[in-house]
Amino acid sequence: MRILVTGIAGFGGSGIAKELLKRGYDVRGVDIIAPSHASSLKDVIDQIDYRWKNVIDMSHEDLEGCDIVLHFCAQADVPMGFTSPWYTVY
């Protein structure tokens, strides 16, 4: 089973991705952080189909073959979310 994790380089996304790999799942990840800078995944990066892109730029190809999508991407700047709520949506 292939599981797509958005925000895979972040705290929640990387943690769930590692657990999924331990349990034998095929993991695909999408994140705006370059794989070379995804320090939380350095020990498993070679086991992940990593797509370096913004989630809003995902295509059908990114979803192809995925059985489940776990959405962990988020705008990390909490104060910005309060001052500019539309920034967090787009």
PDB file of N, CA and C in Angstrom:
ATOM      1  N   MET A   1       0.851  -1.174   0.000  1.00  0.00           N
ATOM      2  CA  MET A   1       0.000   0.000   0.000  1.00  0.00           C
ATOM      3  C   MET A   1       0.895   1.234   0.000  1.00  0.00           C
ATOM      4  N   ARG A   2       0.583   2.179  -0.867  1.00  0.00           N
ATOM      5  CA  ARG A   2       1.353   3.423  -0.951  1.00  0.00           C
ATOM      6  C   ARG A   2       0.580   4.543  -0.264  1.00  0.00           C
ATOM      7  N   ILE A   3       1.291   5.248   0.602  1.00  0.00           N
ATOM      8  CA  ILE A   3       0.687   6.351   1.343  1.00  0.00           C
ATOM      9  C   ILE A   3       1.436   7.634   1.014  1.00  0.00           C
ATOM     10  N   LEU A   4       0.683   8.663   0.640  1.00  0.00           N
ATOM     11  CA  LEU A   4       1.252   9.976   0.361  1.00  0.00           C
ATOM     12  C   LEU A   4       1.166  10.820   1.625  1.00  0.00           C
ATOM     13  N   VAL A   5       2.293  11.402   2.022  1.00  0.00           N
ATOM     14  CA  VAL A   5       2.342  12.267   3.200  1.00  0.00           C
ATOM     15  C   VAL A   5       2.725  13.665   2.734  1.00  0.00           C
ATOM     16  N   THR A   6       1.817  14.629   2.906  1.00  0.00           N
ATOM     17  CA  THR A   6       2.165  16.018   2.601  1.00  0.00           C
ATOM     18  C   THR A   6       2.853  16.607   3.828  1.00  0.00           C
ATOM     19  N   GLY A   7       3.767  17.536   3.598  1.00  0.00           N
ATOM     20  CA  GLY A   7       4.521  18.101   4.710  1.00  0.00           C
ATOM     21  C   GLY A   7       5.446  17.077   5.343  1.00  0.00           C
ATOM     22  N   ILE A   8       5.997  16.203   4.528  1.00  0.00           N
ATOM     23  CA  ILE A   8       6.772  15.064   5.032  1.00  0.00           C
ATOM     24  C   ILE A   8       8.062  15.471   5.743  1.00  0.00           C
ATOM     25  N   ALA A   9       8.598  16.644   5.453  1.00  0.00           N
ATOM     26  CA  ALA A   9       9.850  17.056   6.092  1.00  0.00           C
ATOM     27  C   ALA A   9       9.633  17.719   7.449  1.00  0.00           C
ATOM     28  N   GLY A  10       8.399  18.009   7.800  1.00  0.00           N
ATOM     29  CA  GLY A  10       8.108  18.651   9.074  1.00  0.00           C
ATOM     30  C   GLY A  10       8.057  17.670  10.230  1.00  0.00           C
ATOM     31  N   PHE A  11       7.775  18.178  11.403  1.00  0.00           N
ATOM     32  CA  PHE A  11       7.768  17.368  12.622  1.00  0.00           C
ATOM     33  C   PHE A  11       6.775  16.212  12.536  1.00  0.00           C
ATOM     34  N   GLY A  12       5.528  16.520  12.257  1.00  0.00           N
ATOM     35  CA  GLY A  12       4.502  15.474  12.201  1.00  0.00           C
ATOM     36  C   GLY A  12       4.660  14.562  11.006  1.00  0.00           C
ATOM     37  N   GLY A  13       4.893  15.149   9.836  1.00  0.00           N
ATOM     38  CA  GLY A  13       5.022  14.364   8.616  1.00  0.00           C
ATOM     39  C   GLY A  13       6.190  13.401   8.644  1.00  0.00           C
ATOM     40  N   SER A  14       7.334  13.856   9.142  1.00  0.00           N
ATOM     41  CA  SER A  14       8.511  12.979   9.188  1.00  0.00           C
ATOM     42  C   SER A  14       8.314  11.859  10.199  1.00  0.00           C
ATOM     43  N   GLY A  15       7.685  12.171  11.309  1.00  0.00           N
ATOM     44  CA  GLY A  15       7.441  11.142  12.327  1.00  0.00           C
ATOM     45  C   GLY A  15       6.524  10.047  11.825  1.00  0.00           C
ATOM     46  N   ILE A  16       5.443  10.436  11.160  1.00  0.00           N
ATOM     47  CA  ILE A  16       4.514   9.427  10.646  1.00  0.00           C
ATOM     48  C   ILE A  16       5.145   8.658   9.496  1.00  0.00           C
ATOM     49  N   ALA A  17       5.940   9.332   8.669  1.00  0.00           N
ATOM     50  CA  ALA A  17       6.598   8.650   7.545  1.00  0.00           C
ATOM     51  C   ALA A  17       7.541   7.561   8.049  1.00  0.00           C
ATOM     52  N   LYS A  18       8.307   7.858   9.077  1.00  0.00           N
ATOM     53  CA  LYS A  18       9.231   6.857   9.635  1.00  0.00           C
ATOM     54  C   LYS A  18       8.467   5.658  10.193  1.00  0.00           C
ATOM     55  N   GLU A  19       7.368   5.926  10.856  1.00  0.00           N
ATOM     56  CA  GLU A  19       6.563   4.836  11.409  1.00  0.00           C
ATOM     57  C   GLU A  19       5.942   3.995  10.290  1.00  0.00           C
ATOM     58  N   LEU A  20       5.474   4.638   9.248  1.00  0.00           N
ATOM     59  CA  LEU A  20       4.902   3.907   8.114  1.00  0.00           C
ATOM     60  C   LEU A  20       5.950   3.014   7.451  1.00  0.00           C
ATOM     61  N   LEU A  21       7.155   3.534   7.296  1.00  0.00           N
ATOM     62  CA  LEU A  21       8.236   2.734   6.712  1.00  0.00           C
ATOM     63  C   LEU A  21       8.549   1.523   7.585  1.00  0.00           C
ATOM     64  N   LYS A  22       8.584   1.732   8.899  1.00  0.00           N
ATOM     65  CA  LYS A  22       8.832   0.612   9.824  1.00  0.00           C
ATOM     66  C   LYS A  22       7.785  -0.478   9.668  1.00  0.00           C
ATOM     67  N   ARG A  23       6.562  -0.064   9.368  1.00  0.00           N
ATOM     68  CA  ARG A  23       5.455  -1.021   9.238  1.00  0.00           C
ATOM     69  C   ARG A  23       5.337  -1.603   7.827  1.00  0.00           C
ATOM     70  N   GLY A  24       6.274  -1.242   6.969  1.00  0.00           N
ATOM     71  CA  GLY A  24       6.330  -1.842   5.645  1.00  0.00           C
ATOM     72  C   GLY A  24       5.554  -1.146   4.542  1.00  0.00           C
ATOM     73  N   TYR A  25       5.076   0.058   4.794  1.00  0.00           N
ATOM     74  CA  TYR A  25       4.336   0.784   3.769  1.00  0.00           C
ATOM     75  C   TYR A  25       5.288   1.448   2.779  1.00  0.00           C
ATOM     76  N   ASP A  26       4.798   1.654   1.569  1.00  0.00           N
ATOM     77  CA  ASP A  26       5.498   2.407   0.537  1.00  0.00           C
ATOM     78  C   ASP A  26       5.108   3.871   0.757  1.00  0.00           C
ATOM     79  N   VAL A  27       6.093   4.747   0.956  1.00  0.00           N
ATOM     80  CA  VAL A  27       5.805   6.139   1.315  1.00  0.00           C
ATOM     81  C   VAL A  27       6.244   7.087   0.203  1.00  0.00           C
ATOM     82  N   ARG A  28       5.329   7.956  -0.180  1.00  0.00           N
ATOM     83  CA  ARG A  28       5.623   9.064  -1.083  1.00  0.00           C
ATOM     84  C   ARG A  28       5.408  10.334  -0.272  1.00  0.00           C
ATOM     85  N   GLY A  29       6.285  11.310  -0.444  1.00  0.00           N
ATOM     86  CA  GLY A  29       6.157  12.539   0.317  1.00  0.00           C
ATOM     87  C   GLY A  29       6.242  13.772  -0.546  1.00  0.00           C
ATOM     88  N   VAL A  30       5.538  14.810  -0.143  1.00  0.00           N
ATOM     89  CA  VAL A  30       5.571  16.101  -0.816  1.00  0.00           C
ATOM     90  C   VAL A  30       5.915  17.159   0.216  1.00  0.00           C
ATOM     91  N   ASP A  31       6.891  18.017  -0.129  1.00  0.00           N
ATOM     92  CA  ASP A  31       7.253  19.111   0.774  1.00  0.00           C
ATOM     93  C   ASP A  31       7.978  20.193  -0.014  1.00  0.00           C
ATOM     94  N   ILE A  32       7.905  21.435   0.480  1.00  0.00           N
ATOM     95  CA  ILE A  32       8.629  22.530  -0.164  1.00  0.00           C
ATOM     96  C   ILE A  32      10.091  22.566   0.266  1.00  0.00           C
ATOM     97  N   ILE A  33      10.433  21.785   1.259  1.00  0.00           N
ATOM     98  CA  ILE A  33      11.825  21.697   1.704  1.00  0.00           C
ATOM     99  C   ILE A  33      12.556  20.709   0.803  1.00  0.00           C
ATOM    100  N   ALA A  34      13.712  21.115   0.309  1.00  0.00           N
ATOM    101  CA  ALA A  34      14.509  20.241  -0.557  1.00  0.00           C
ATOM    102  C   ALA A  34      14.894  18.978   0.204  1.00  0.00           C
ATOM    103  N   PRO A  35      14.921  17.837  -0.470  1.00  0.00           N
ATOM    104  CA  PRO A  35      15.284  16.592   0.215  1.00  0.00           C
ATOM    105  C   PRO A  35      16.651  16.674   0.888  1.00  0.00           C
ATOM    106  N   SER A  36      17.562  17.435   0.310  1.00  0.00           N
ATOM    107  CA  SER A  36      18.897  17.582   0.903  1.00  0.00           C
ATOM    108  C   SER A  36      18.863  18.363   2.214  1.00  0.00           C
ATOM    109  N   HIS A  37      17.775  19.087   2.474  1.00  0.00           N
ATOM    110  CA  HIS A  37      17.629  19.857   3.714  1.00  0.00           C
ATOM    111  C   HIS A  37      16.601  19.245   4.671  1.00  0.00           C
ATOM    112  N   ALA A  38      16.074  18.102   4.321  1.00  0.00           N
ATOM    113  CA  ALA A  38      15.084  17.432   5.177  1.00  0.00           C
ATOM    114  C   ALA A  38      15.818  16.618   6.241  1.00  0.00           C
ATOM    115  N   SER A  39      16.414  17.323   7.198  1.00  0.00           N
ATOM    116  CA  SER A  39      17.270  16.672   8.203  1.00  0.00           C
ATOM    117  C   SER A  39      16.522  15.650   9.048  1.00  0.00           C
ATOM    118  N   SER A  40      15.239  15.835   9.229  1.00  0.00           N
ATOM    119  CA  SER A  40      14.463  14.886  10.035  1.00  0.00           C
ATOM    120  C   SER A  40      14.282  13.545   9.326  1.00  0.00           C
ATOM    121  N   LEU A  41      14.601  13.502   8.036  1.00  0.00           N
ATOM    122  CA  LEU A  41      14.437  12.271   7.253  1.00  0.00           C
ATOM    123  C   LEU A  41      15.761  11.704   6.751  1.00  0.00           C
ATOM    124  N   LYS A  42      16.877  12.272   7.204  1.00  0.00           N
ATOM    125  CA  LYS A  42      18.174  11.901   6.624  1.00  0.00           C
ATOM    126  C   LYS A  42      18.462  10.404   6.679  1.00  0.00           C
ATOM    127  N   ASP A  43      17.969   9.714   7.689  1.00  0.00           N
ATOM    128  CA  ASP A  43      18.239   8.280   7.821  1.00  0.00           C
ATOM    129  C   ASP A  43      17.314   7.402   6.978  1.00  0.00           C
ATOM    130  N   VAL A  44      16.255   7.985   6.398  1.00  0.00           N
ATOM    131  CA  VAL A  44      15.303   7.187   5.609  1.00  0.00           C
ATOM    132  C   VAL A  44      14.991   7.794   4.237  1.00  0.00           C
ATOM    133  N   ILE A  45      15.632   8.897   3.889  1.00  0.00           N
ATOM    134  CA  ILE A  45      15.285   9.622   2.661  1.00  0.00           C
ATOM    135  C   ILE A  45      15.374   8.744   1.414  1.00  0.00           C
ATOM    136  N   ASP A  46      16.293   7.799   1.410  1.00  0.00           N
ATOM    137  CA  ASP A  46      16.454   6.925   0.246  1.00  0.00           C
ATOM    138  C   ASP A  46      15.323   5.904   0.111  1.00  0.00           C
ATOM    139  N   GLN A  47      14.474   5.796   1.119  1.00  0.00           N
ATOM    140  CA  GLN A  47      13.347   4.858   1.089  1.00  0.00           C
ATOM    141  C   GLN A  47      12.031   5.541   0.706  1.00  0.00           C
ATOM    142  N   ILE A  48      12.094   6.849   0.472  1.00  0.00           N
ATOM    143  CA  ILE A  48      10.889   7.645   0.225  1.00  0.00           C
ATOM    144  C   ILE A  48      10.887   8.166  -1.208  1.00  0.00           C
ATOM    145  N   ASP A  49       9.733   8.090  -1.851  1.00  0.00           N
ATOM    146  CA  ASP A  49       9.536   8.732  -3.153  1.00  0.00           C
ATOM    147  C   ASP A  49       9.226  10.197  -2.842  1.00  0.00           C
ATOM    148  N   TYR A  50      10.278  11.014  -2.782  1.00  0.00           N
ATOM    149  CA  TYR A  50      10.179  12.393  -2.310  1.00  0.00           C
ATOM    150  C   TYR A  50       9.910  13.333  -3.483  1.00  0.00           C
ATOM    151  N   ARG A  51       8.855  14.109  -3.386  1.00  0.00           N
ATOM    152  CA  ARG A  51       8.495  15.090  -4.413  1.00  0.00           C
ATOM    153  C   ARG A  51       8.722  16.485  -3.834  1.00  0.00           C
ATOM    154  N   TRP A  52       9.725  17.185  -4.345  1.00  0.00           N
ATOM    155  CA  TRP A  52      10.080  18.512  -3.848  1.00  0.00           C
ATOM    156  C   TRP A  52       9.221  19.551  -4.563  1.00  0.00           C
ATOM    157  N   LYS A  53       8.122  19.949  -3.917  1.00  0.00           N
ATOM    158  CA  LYS A  53       7.211  20.932  -4.496  1.00  0.00           C
ATOM    159  C   LYS A  53       6.231  21.414  -3.435  1.00  0.00           C
ATOM    160  N   ASN A  54       5.575  22.508  -3.745  1.00  0.00           N
ATOM    161  CA  ASN A  54       4.515  23.029  -2.899  1.00  0.00           C
ATOM    162  C   ASN A  54       3.270  22.165  -3.108  1.00  0.00           C
ATOM    163  N   VAL A  55       2.561  21.898  -2.064  1.00  0.00           N
ATOM    164  CA  VAL A  55       1.370  21.047  -2.159  1.00  0.00           C
ATOM    165  C   VAL A  55       0.329  21.624  -3.123  1.00  0.00           C
ATOM    166  N   ILE A  56       0.286  22.932  -3.267  1.00  0.00           N
ATOM    167  CA  ILE A  56      -0.684  23.522  -4.199  1.00  0.00           C
ATOM    168  C   ILE A  56      -0.285  23.286  -5.655  1.00  0.00           C
ATOM    169  N   ASP A  57       0.941  22.854  -5.883  1.00  0.00           N
ATOM    170  CA  ASP A  57       1.410  22.556  -7.238  1.00  0.00           C
ATOM    171  C   ASP A  57       1.365  21.066  -7.568  1.00  0.00           C
ATOM    172  N   MET A  58       0.759  20.276  -6.701  1.00  0.00           N
ATOM    173  CA  MET A  58       0.675  18.840  -6.953  1.00  0.00           C
ATOM    174  C   MET A  58      -0.182  18.561  -8.184  1.00  0.00           C
ATOM    175  N   SER A  59       0.147  17.476  -8.864  1.00  0.00           N
ATOM    176  CA  SER A  59      -0.600  17.071 -10.051  1.00  0.00           C
ATOM    177  C   SER A  59      -1.196  15.678  -9.831  1.00  0.00           C
ATOM    178  N   HIS A  60      -1.943  15.231 -10.807  1.00  0.00           N
ATOM    179  CA  HIS A  60      -2.502  13.879 -10.748  1.00  0.00           C
ATOM    180  C   HIS A  60      -1.392  12.843 -10.660  1.00  0.00           C
ATOM    181  N   GLU A  61      -0.260  13.123 -11.294  1.00  0.00           N
ATOM    182  CA  GLU A  61       0.872  12.193 -11.257  1.00  0.00           C
ATOM    183  C   GLU A  61       1.385  11.982  -9.835  1.00  0.00           C
ATOM    184  N   ASP A  62       1.326  13.018  -9.014  1.00  0.00           N
ATOM    185  CA  ASP A  62       1.782  12.895  -7.625  1.00  0.00           C
ATOM    186  C   ASP A  62       0.867  11.981  -6.815  1.00  0.00           C
ATOM    187  N   LEU A  63      -0.394  11.944  -7.189  1.00  0.00           N
ATOM    188  CA  LEU A  63      -1.372  11.111  -6.481  1.00  0.00           C
ATOM    189  C   LEU A  63      -1.495   9.705  -7.060  1.00  0.00           C
ATOM    190  N   GLU A  64      -1.016   9.532  -8.275  1.00  0.00           N
ATOM    191  CA  GLU A  64      -1.174   8.252  -8.963  1.00  0.00           C
ATOM    192  C   GLU A  64      -0.560   7.102  -8.163  1.00  0.00           C
ATOM    193  N   GLY A  65      -1.356   6.077  -7.959  1.00  0.00           N
ATOM    194  CA  GLY A  65      -0.895   4.889  -7.250  1.00  0.00           C
ATOM    195  C   GLY A  65      -0.974   4.981  -5.735  1.00  0.00           C
ATOM    196  N   CYS A  66      -1.391   6.124  -5.219  1.00  0.00           N
ATOM    197  CA  CYS A  66      -1.498   6.287  -3.763  1.00  0.00           C
ATOM    198  C   CYS A  66      -2.872   5.808  -3.298  1.00  0.00           C
ATOM    199  N   ASP A  67      -2.863   5.068  -2.217  1.00  0.00           N
ATOM    200  CA  ASP A  67      -4.103   4.552  -1.650  1.00  0.00           C
ATOM    201  C   ASP A  67      -4.672   5.471  -0.577  1.00  0.00           C
ATOM    202  N   ILE A  68      -3.788   6.184   0.090  1.00  0.00           N
ATOM    203  CA  ILE A  68      -4.184   7.054   1.205  1.00  0.00           C
ATOM    204  C   ILE A  68      -3.353   8.328   1.135  1.00  0.00           C
ATOM    205  N   VAL A  69      -3.952   9.460   1.518  1.00  0.00           N
ATOM    206  CA  VAL A  69      -3.227  10.722   1.650  1.00  0.00           C
ATOM    207  C   VAL A  69      -3.328  11.163   3.102  1.00  0.00           C
ATOM    208  N   LEU A  70      -2.177  11.401   3.720  1.00  0.00           N
ATOM    209  CA  LEU A  70      -2.123  11.958   5.074  1.00  0.00           C
ATOM    210  C   LEU A  70      -1.608  13.386   4.946  1.00  0.00           C
ATOM    211  N   HIS A  71      -2.439  14.339   5.324  1.00  0.00           N
ATOM    212  CA  HIS A  71      -2.133  15.754   5.101  1.00  0.00           C
ATOM    213  C   HIS A  71      -1.509  16.370   6.355  1.00  0.00           C
ATOM    214  N   PHE A  72      -0.190  16.568   6.302  1.00  0.00           N
ATOM    215  CA  PHE A  72       0.531  17.152   7.425  1.00  0.00           C
ATOM    216  C   PHE A  72       1.152  18.504   7.091  1.00  0.00           C
ATOM    217  N   CYS A  73       0.980  18.987   5.868  1.00  0.00           N
ATOM    218  CA  CYS A  73       1.611  20.269   5.551  1.00  0.00           C
ATOM    219  C   CYS A  73       0.804  21.400   6.193  1.00  0.00           C
ATOM    220  N   ALA A  74       1.530  22.429   6.564  1.00  0.00           N
ATOM    221  CA  ALA A  74       0.901  23.577   7.207  1.00  0.00           C
ATOM    222  C   ALA A  74       1.813  24.784   7.069  1.00  0.00           C
ATOM    223  N   GLN A  75       1.253  25.927   7.202  1.00  0.00           N
ATOM    224  CA  GLN A  75       2.016  27.161   7.222  1.00  0.00           C
ATOM    225  C   GLN A  75       2.607  27.271   8.622  1.00  0.00           C
ATOM    226  N   ALA A  76       3.910  27.308   8.738  1.00  0.00           N
ATOM    227  CA  ALA A  76       4.579  27.202  10.036  1.00  0.00           C
ATOM    228  C   ALA A  76       4.626  28.501  10.834  1.00  0.00           C
ATOM    229  N   ASP A  77       4.349  29.624  10.221  1.00  0.00           N
ATOM    230  CA  ASP A  77       4.429  30.914  10.903  1.00  0.00           C
ATOM    231  C   ASP A  77       3.069  31.236  11.532  1.00  0.00           C
ATOM    232  N   VAL A  78       2.887  30.846  12.794  1.00  0.00           N
ATOM    233  CA  VAL A  78       1.595  31.013  13.465  1.00  0.00           C
ATOM    234  C   VAL A  78       1.154  32.476  13.527  1.00  0.00           C
ATOM    235  N   PRO A  79       2.004  33.437  13.920  1.00  0.00           N
ATOM    236  CA  PRO A  79       1.557  34.833  13.932  1.00  0.00           C
ATOM    237  C   PRO A  79       1.064  35.309  12.558  1.00  0.00           C
ATOM    238  N   MET A  80       1.715  34.856  11.488  1.00  0.00           N
ATOM    239  CA  MET A  80       1.281  35.232  10.142  1.00  0.00           C
ATOM    240  C   MET A  80      -0.137  34.721   9.879  1.00  0.00           C
ATOM    241  N   GLY A  81      -0.466  33.575  10.431  1.00  0.00           N
ATOM    242  CA  GLY A  81      -1.806  33.021  10.268  1.00  0.00           C
ATOM    243  C   GLY A  81      -2.883  33.904  10.869  1.00  0.00           C
ATOM    244  N   PHE A  82      -2.538  34.600  11.939  1.00  0.00           N
ATOM    245  CA  PHE A  82      -3.501  35.500  12.573  1.00  0.00           C
ATOM    246  C   PHE A  82      -3.584  36.841  11.858  1.00  0.00           C
ATOM    247  N   THR A  83      -2.447  37.363  11.418  1.00  0.00           N
ATOM    248  CA  THR A  83      -2.455  38.673  10.771  1.00  0.00           C
ATOM    249  C   THR A  83      -2.889  38.605   9.313  1.00  0.00           C
ATOM    250  N   SER A  84      -2.610  37.491   8.649  1.00  0.00           N
ATOM    251  CA  SER A  84      -2.977  37.319   7.234  1.00  0.00           C
ATOM    252  C   SER A  84      -3.564  35.926   7.019  1.00  0.00           C
ATOM    253  N   PRO A  85      -4.790  35.693   7.454  1.00  0.00           N
ATOM    254  CA  PRO A  85      -5.359  34.347   7.364  1.00  0.00           C
ATOM    255  C   PRO A  85      -5.396  33.776   5.951  1.00  0.00           C
ATOM    256  N   TRP A  86      -5.552  34.624   4.929  1.00  0.00           N
ATOM    257  CA  TRP A  86      -5.585  34.098   3.562  1.00  0.00           C
ATOM    258  C   TRP A  86      -4.233  33.537   3.150  1.00  0.00           C
ATOM    259  N   TYR A  87      -3.161  34.024   3.762  1.00  0.00           N
ATOM    260  CA  TYR A  87      -1.826  33.494   3.470  1.00  0.00           C
ATOM    261  C   TYR A  87      -1.739  32.019   3.851  1.00  0.00           C
ATOM    262  N   THR A  88      -2.437  31.640   4.889  1.00  0.00           N
ATOM    263  CA  THR A  88      -2.380  30.246   5.339  1.00  0.00           C
ATOM    264  C   THR A  88      -3.219  29.325   4.461  1.00  0.00           C
ATOM    265  N   VAL A  89      -4.167  29.885   3.733  1.00  0.00           N
ATOM    266  CA  VAL A  89      -5.022  29.077   2.871  1.00  0.00           C
ATOM    267  C   VAL A  89      -4.348  28.826   1.530  1.00  0.00           C
ATOM    268  N   TYR A  90      -3.604  29.796   1.030  1.00  0.00           N
ATOM    269  CA  TYR A  90      -3.001  29.665  -0.285  1.00  0.00           C
ATOM    270  C   TYR A  90      -1.538  29.376  -0.190  1.00  0.00           C
TER     271      TYR A  90
END
